[in-house]
Amino acid sequence: MESHRLFAEKYDLNYPLLSDTQGRLSAAMGVLNKLGPIQASARVTFLVDPAGRVARVFDPVQPGGHADEVLAALAALTG
């Protein structure tokens, strides 16, 4: 959670970052990877519409250009 806080401060983010420390949401969304005793969430972006439904899933996430791709999908969603 500390790394999330520092990242948000560094980039002046005005929204909360999720920290799924027990992997519950990752498991529910089907992105939890178990490697023996180690659990890690895959890097997947979910775009949620105003009604709370998953409108788009970006999997896998490619860092180069990903932000632009998500912003374009968000603009299309909100019209």
Protein backbone atom coordinates (compact mmCIF):
# COMPACT_ATOMS: atom_id res chain seq x y z
CA MET A 1 0.00 0.00 0.00
CA GLU A 2 2.93 2.30 0.67
CA SER A 3 4.19 1.89 -2.91
CA HIS A 4 0.71 2.80 -4.18
CA ARG A 5 0.69 5.94 -2.04
CA LEU A 6 4.13 6.99 -3.26
CA PHE A 7 3.17 6.32 -6.90
CA ALA A 8 -0.02 8.37 -6.55
CA GLU A 9 1.90 11.23 -4.97
CA LYS A 10 4.64 11.12 -7.60
CA TYR A 11 2.15 11.37 -10.46
CA ASP A 12 -0.36 13.58 -8.62
CA LEU A 13 -3.22 11.11 -9.14
CA ASN A 14 -6.63 12.34 -8.02
CA TYR A 15 -8.19 8.88 -7.64
CA PRO A 16 -7.57 5.96 -5.30
CA LEU A 17 -5.41 3.00 -6.28
CA LEU A 18 -6.63 -0.46 -5.34
CA SER A 19 -4.46 -2.58 -3.09
CA ASP A 20 -5.88 -6.11 -3.07
CA THR A 21 -3.60 -7.38 -0.31
CA GLN A 22 -5.48 -10.66 0.20
CA GLY A 23 -6.16 -11.35 -3.48
CA ARG A 24 -9.94 -11.55 -3.10
CA LEU A 25 -10.83 -9.17 -5.91
CA SER A 26 -8.12 -10.61 -8.16
CA ALA A 27 -9.51 -14.10 -7.62
CA ALA A 28 -13.08 -12.92 -8.25
CA MET A 29 -12.00 -11.23 -11.50
CA GLY A 30 -10.03 -14.28 -12.64
CA VAL A 31 -6.62 -12.61 -12.66
CA LEU A 32 -4.99 -14.16 -9.58
CA ASN A 33 -1.93 -16.25 -10.42
CA LYS A 34 -0.77 -18.76 -7.85
CA LEU A 35 2.84 -19.82 -8.05
CA GLY A 36 3.10 -22.26 -5.19
CA PRO A 37 2.88 -20.19 -2.00
CA ILE A 38 3.20 -16.94 -3.95
CA GLN A 39 0.12 -15.11 -5.23
CA ALA A 40 0.28 -12.29 -7.74
CA SER A 41 -2.31 -10.50 -9.82
CA ALA A 42 -1.87 -10.35 -13.57
CA ARG A 43 -1.54 -6.86 -15.04
CA VAL A 44 -5.03 -6.38 -16.42
CA THR A 45 -7.02 -3.16 -16.75
CA PHE A 46 -10.79 -3.22 -16.26
CA LEU A 47 -12.78 -0.26 -17.55
CA VAL A 48 -15.93 0.04 -15.44
CA ASP A 49 -18.94 1.94 -16.78
CA PRO A 50 -21.04 4.40 -14.72
CA ALA A 51 -23.47 1.57 -13.83
CA GLY A 52 -20.63 -0.41 -12.27
CA ARG A 53 -20.37 -3.01 -15.06
CA VAL A 54 -17.11 -4.07 -16.66
CA ALA A 55 -17.28 -2.40 -20.07
CA ARG A 56 -13.87 -3.46 -21.37
CA VAL A 57 -10.96 -5.64 -20.34
CA PHE A 58 -7.40 -4.91 -21.44
CA ASP A 59 -5.45 -8.16 -21.19
CA PRO A 60 -2.56 -8.28 -21.53
CA VAL A 61 -1.50 -4.77 -20.63
CA GLN A 62 1.31 -3.43 -22.80
CA PRO A 63 2.80 -0.38 -21.02
CA GLY A 64 3.71 1.48 -24.22
CA GLY A 65 0.56 3.25 -25.38
CA HIS A 66 -1.71 1.63 -22.80
CA ALA A 67 -2.77 4.91 -21.20
CA ASP A 68 -3.77 6.33 -24.59
CA GLU A 69 -5.70 3.15 -25.41
CA VAL A 70 -7.61 3.29 -22.12
CA LEU A 71 -8.34 7.01 -22.47
CA ALA A 72 -9.72 6.45 -25.99
CA ALA A 73 -11.95 3.62 -24.75
CA LEU A 74 -13.12 5.82 -21.86
CA ALA A 75 -13.95 8.68 -24.25
CA ALA A 76 -15.93 6.28 -26.45
CA LEU A 77 -17.77 4.94 -23.41
CA THR A 78 -18.74 8.35 -22.10
CA GLY A 79 -19.52 9.76 -25.55
